[in-house]
Amino acid sequence: MIFKSAKINAFRTWGLLLTMLGMGLMVLGTAGIVFWGHAGKVFAAVGLVIGLIAMMASLAIYFWAGMLSTSAVQVDCPECGKLTKMLGKTDRCMFCHTILTLDPNQANTTSSQLKAHSTPPSPSDTDHGMSSNS
């Protein structure tokens, strides 16, 4: 349950990871000049360009998450009582990670029932106890 989060928070997490990756590549690229001198300039240029691309991707993800956040439906979480935002028909609470839904057909469905419903049945489930011995 620790890795389950709301959809908007997941987008923001990917944006943060890309920001850290981009900054790290830029710092390591610049460190190439310190370690290898004039020969490290190529290493620095590659690190700076790839880092810049990662930072631009992070900017795009943060912008996208912000635009999604402005149009998200706000609901009160039944578990923690806090106001949270939902994307789509089902999402998780941003604070307590409870599964929330706007679909009345899935309103009282637990996470284990959702998993069982999404997995295909095994061949033993479709046999229904009937044997071919006659």
C-alpha atoms as a PDB file:
ATOM      1  CA  MET A   1       0.000   0.000   0.000  1.00  0.00           C
ATOM      2  CA  ILE A   2       2.991   2.306   0.426  1.00  0.00           C
ATOM      3  CA  PHE A   3       3.538   2.655  -3.339  1.00  0.00           C
ATOM      4  CA  LYS A   4      -0.111   3.385  -4.117  1.00  0.00           C
ATOM      5  CA  SER A   5      -0.921   7.063  -4.521  1.00  0.00           C
ATOM      6  CA  ALA A   6      -3.308   9.436  -6.214  1.00  0.00           C
ATOM      7  CA  LYS A   7      -2.853   9.929  -9.957  1.00  0.00           C
ATOM      8  CA  ILE A   8      -1.925  13.607  -9.651  1.00  0.00           C
ATOM      9  CA  ASN A   9       0.675  12.794  -6.993  1.00  0.00           C
ATOM     10  CA  ALA A  10       2.141  10.097  -9.240  1.00  0.00           C
ATOM     11  CA  PHE A  11       2.585  12.634 -12.067  1.00  0.00           C
ATOM     12  CA  ARG A  12       4.242  15.050  -9.667  1.00  0.00           C
ATOM     13  CA  THR A  13       6.569  12.313  -8.420  1.00  0.00           C
ATOM     14  CA  TRP A  14       7.735  11.575 -11.978  1.00  0.00           C
ATOM     15  CA  GLY A  15       8.283  15.293 -12.517  1.00  0.00           C
ATOM     16  CA  LEU A  16      10.410  15.496  -9.378  1.00  0.00           C
ATOM     17  CA  LEU A  17      12.451  12.440 -10.378  1.00  0.00           C
ATOM     18  CA  LEU A  18      13.159  13.940 -13.798  1.00  0.00           C
ATOM     19  CA  THR A  19      14.195  17.218 -12.167  1.00  0.00           C
ATOM     20  CA  MET A  20      16.650  15.431  -9.882  1.00  0.00           C
ATOM     21  CA  LEU A  21      17.976  13.321 -12.763  1.00  0.00           C
ATOM     22  CA  GLY A  22      18.466  16.387 -14.961  1.00  0.00           C
ATOM     23  CA  MET A  23      20.240  18.344 -12.252  1.00  0.00           C
ATOM     24  CA  GLY A  24      22.440  15.356 -11.396  1.00  0.00           C
ATOM     25  CA  LEU A  25      23.450  14.889 -15.021  1.00  0.00           C
ATOM     26  CA  MET A  26      24.294  18.563 -15.322  1.00  0.00           C
ATOM     27  CA  VAL A  27      26.452  18.483 -12.188  1.00  0.00           C
ATOM     28  CA  LEU A  28      28.221  15.283 -13.267  1.00  0.00           C
ATOM     29  CA  GLY A  29      28.758  16.688 -16.740  1.00  0.00           C
ATOM     30  CA  THR A  30      30.332  19.824 -15.329  1.00  0.00           C
ATOM     31  CA  ALA A  31      32.471  17.698 -13.005  1.00  0.00           C
ATOM     32  CA  GLY A  32      33.942  16.089 -16.130  1.00  0.00           C
ATOM     33  CA  ILE A  33      35.811  19.343 -16.795  1.00  0.00           C
ATOM     34  CA  VAL A  34      37.265  19.287 -13.279  1.00  0.00           C
ATOM     35  CA  PHE A  35      38.427  15.663 -13.505  1.00  0.00           C
ATOM     36  CA  TRP A  36      39.597  15.444 -17.127  1.00  0.00           C
ATOM     37  CA  GLY A  37      40.362  19.051 -17.989  1.00  0.00           C
ATOM     38  CA  HIS A  38      40.107  19.992 -21.650  1.00  0.00           C
ATOM     39  CA  ALA A  39      39.151  16.424 -22.658  1.00  0.00           C
ATOM     40  CA  GLY A  40      36.154  16.530 -20.286  1.00  0.00           C
ATOM     41  CA  LYS A  41      34.421  19.270 -22.268  1.00  0.00           C
ATOM     42  CA  VAL A  42      32.720  16.710 -24.511  1.00  0.00           C
ATOM     43  CA  PHE A  43      31.532  14.806 -21.444  1.00  0.00           C
ATOM     44  CA  ALA A  44      30.270  18.085 -19.959  1.00  0.00           C
ATOM     45  CA  ALA A  45      28.444  19.048 -23.142  1.00  0.00           C
ATOM     46  CA  VAL A  46      26.674  15.677 -23.353  1.00  0.00           C
ATOM     47  CA  GLY A  47      25.726  15.788 -19.654  1.00  0.00           C
ATOM     48  CA  LEU A  48      24.424  19.327 -19.927  1.00  0.00           C
ATOM     49  CA  VAL A  49      22.325  18.608 -23.028  1.00  0.00           C
ATOM     50  CA  ILE A  50      20.787  15.410 -21.650  1.00  0.00           C
ATOM     51  CA  GLY A  51      20.208  17.134 -18.307  1.00  0.00           C
ATOM     52  CA  LEU A  52      18.496  20.035 -20.064  1.00  0.00           C
ATOM     53  CA  ILE A  53      16.230  17.611 -21.931  1.00  0.00           C
ATOM     54  CA  ALA A  54      15.317  15.895 -18.628  1.00  0.00           C
ATOM     55  CA  MET A  55      14.565  19.272 -17.045  1.00  0.00           C
ATOM     56  CA  MET A  56      12.334  20.259 -19.983  1.00  0.00           C
ATOM     57  CA  ALA A  57      10.488  16.929 -19.706  1.00  0.00           C
ATOM     58  CA  SER A  58      10.027  17.624 -15.994  1.00  0.00           C
ATOM     59  CA  LEU A  59       8.634  21.066 -16.792  1.00  0.00           C
ATOM     60  CA  ALA A  60       6.171  19.522 -19.252  1.00  0.00           C
ATOM     61  CA  ILE A  61       5.033  16.914 -16.704  1.00  0.00           C
ATOM     62  CA  TYR A  62       4.550  19.538 -13.981  1.00  0.00           C
ATOM     63  CA  PHE A  63       2.580  21.719 -16.405  1.00  0.00           C
ATOM     64  CA  TRP A  64       0.424  18.746 -17.440  1.00  0.00           C
ATOM     65  CA  ALA A  65      -0.217  17.759 -13.792  1.00  0.00           C
ATOM     66  CA  GLY A  66      -1.163  21.356 -13.003  1.00  0.00           C
ATOM     67  CA  MET A  67      -3.631  21.507 -15.873  1.00  0.00           C
ATOM     68  CA  LEU A  68      -5.163  18.173 -14.809  1.00  0.00           C
ATOM     69  CA  SER A  69      -5.364  19.410 -11.228  1.00  0.00           C
ATOM     70  CA  THR A  70      -7.405  22.469 -12.197  1.00  0.00           C
ATOM     71  CA  SER A  71     -10.099  20.336 -13.848  1.00  0.00           C
ATOM     72  CA  ALA A  72     -10.112  17.489 -11.283  1.00  0.00           C
ATOM     73  CA  VAL A  73     -13.241  16.722  -9.286  1.00  0.00           C
ATOM     74  CA  GLN A  74     -12.946  17.542  -5.585  1.00  0.00           C
ATOM     75  CA  VAL A  75     -14.478  15.070  -3.144  1.00  0.00           C
ATOM     76  CA  ASP A  76     -14.418  14.518   0.605  1.00  0.00           C
ATOM     77  CA  CYS A  77     -12.615  11.306   1.551  1.00  0.00           C
ATOM     78  CA  PRO A  78     -14.882   9.047   3.654  1.00  0.00           C
ATOM     79  CA  GLU A  79     -11.880   7.699   5.631  1.00  0.00           C
ATOM     80  CA  CYS A  80      -9.884  10.801   6.614  1.00  0.00           C
ATOM     81  CA  GLY A  81     -12.501  13.481   5.863  1.00  0.00           C
ATOM     82  CA  LYS A  82     -10.075  15.670   3.892  1.00  0.00           C
ATOM     83  CA  LEU A  83     -10.857  17.310   0.562  1.00  0.00           C
ATOM     84  CA  THR A  84      -9.036  15.468  -2.219  1.00  0.00           C
ATOM     85  CA  LYS A  85      -8.980  15.601  -6.024  1.00  0.00           C
ATOM     86  CA  MET A  86      -9.980  12.737  -8.313  1.00  0.00           C
ATOM     87  CA  LEU A  87      -9.011  12.039 -11.909  1.00  0.00           C
ATOM     88  CA  GLY A  88     -11.267   9.644 -13.809  1.00  0.00           C
ATOM     89  CA  LYS A  89     -13.898   7.371 -12.290  1.00  0.00           C
ATOM     90  CA  THR A  90     -11.601   5.843  -9.663  1.00  0.00           C
ATOM     91  CA  ASP A  91      -8.609   7.292  -7.873  1.00  0.00           C
ATOM     92  CA  ARG A  92      -6.980   7.249  -4.454  1.00  0.00           C
ATOM     93  CA  CYS A  93      -7.152   9.781  -1.661  1.00  0.00           C
ATOM     94  CA  MET A  94      -4.060  12.031  -1.703  1.00  0.00           C
ATOM     95  CA  PHE A  95      -3.686  11.694   2.064  1.00  0.00           C
ATOM     96  CA  CYS A  96      -4.789   8.218   3.256  1.00  0.00           C
ATOM     97  CA  HIS A  97      -4.668   6.370  -0.141  1.00  0.00           C
ATOM     98  CA  THR A  98      -8.215   5.015   0.184  1.00  0.00           C
ATOM     99  CA  ILE A  99      -9.725   3.924  -3.138  1.00  0.00           C
ATOM    100  CA  LEU A 100     -12.388   6.427  -4.179  1.00  0.00           C
ATOM    101  CA  THR A 101     -14.901   6.125  -7.010  1.00  0.00           C
ATOM    102  CA  LEU A 102     -17.651   8.096  -8.693  1.00  0.00           C
ATOM    103  CA  ASP A 103     -19.107   4.941 -10.296  1.00  0.00           C
ATOM    104  CA  PRO A 104     -22.042   3.613  -8.212  1.00  0.00           C
ATOM    105  CA  ASN A 105     -21.475   0.076  -9.545  1.00  0.00           C
ATOM    106  CA  GLN A 106     -18.045  -0.052  -7.879  1.00  0.00           C
ATOM    107  CA  ALA A 107     -18.906   1.937  -4.746  1.00  0.00           C
ATOM    108  CA  ASN A 108     -18.630  -0.925  -2.245  1.00  0.00           C
ATOM    109  CA  THR A 109     -15.916  -2.902  -4.008  1.00  0.00           C
ATOM    110  CA  THR A 110     -12.728  -3.613  -2.058  1.00  0.00           C
ATOM    111  CA  SER A 111      -9.242  -3.551  -3.587  1.00  0.00           C
ATOM    112  CA  SER A 112      -8.995  -7.366  -3.436  1.00  0.00           C
ATOM    113  CA  GLN A 113     -12.283  -7.652  -5.350  1.00  0.00           C
ATOM    114  CA  LEU A 114     -10.982  -5.189  -7.968  1.00  0.00           C
ATOM    115  CA  LYS A 115      -7.829  -7.297  -8.388  1.00  0.00           C
ATOM    116  CA  ALA A 116      -9.852 -10.502  -8.679  1.00  0.00           C
ATOM    117  CA  HIS A 117     -12.160  -8.883 -11.217  1.00  0.00           C
ATOM    118  CA  SER A 118      -9.280  -7.625 -13.375  1.00  0.00           C
ATOM    119  CA  THR A 119      -7.378 -10.945 -13.530  1.00  0.00           C
ATOM    120  CA  PRO A 120      -8.496 -13.574 -16.069  1.00  0.00           C
ATOM    121  CA  PRO A 121      -9.956 -16.775 -14.593  1.00  0.00           C
ATOM    122  CA  SER A 122      -7.725 -19.811 -14.411  1.00  0.00           C
ATOM    123  CA  PRO A 123      -8.688 -23.010 -16.272  1.00  0.00           C
ATOM    124  CA  SER A 124      -9.616 -24.703 -12.987  1.00  0.00           C
ATOM    125  CA  ASP A 125     -12.204 -21.954 -12.324  1.00  0.00           C
ATOM    126  CA  THR A 126     -14.044 -22.648 -15.594  1.00  0.00           C
ATOM    127  CA  ASP A 127     -14.203 -26.441 -15.040  1.00  0.00           C
ATOM    128  CA  HIS A 128     -17.012 -26.132 -12.425  1.00  0.00           C
ATOM    129  CA  GLY A 129     -16.110 -29.501 -10.929  1.00  0.00           C
ATOM    130  CA  MET A 130     -17.328 -31.504 -13.917  1.00  0.00           C
ATOM    131  CA  SER A 131     -15.080 -34.324 -15.040  1.00  0.00           C
ATOM    132  CA  SER A 132     -14.895 -35.895 -18.467  1.00  0.00           C
ATOM    133  CA  ASN A 133     -15.161 -39.428 -17.069  1.00  0.00           C
ATOM    134  CA  SER A 134     -18.520 -40.919 -18.079  1.00  0.00           C
END
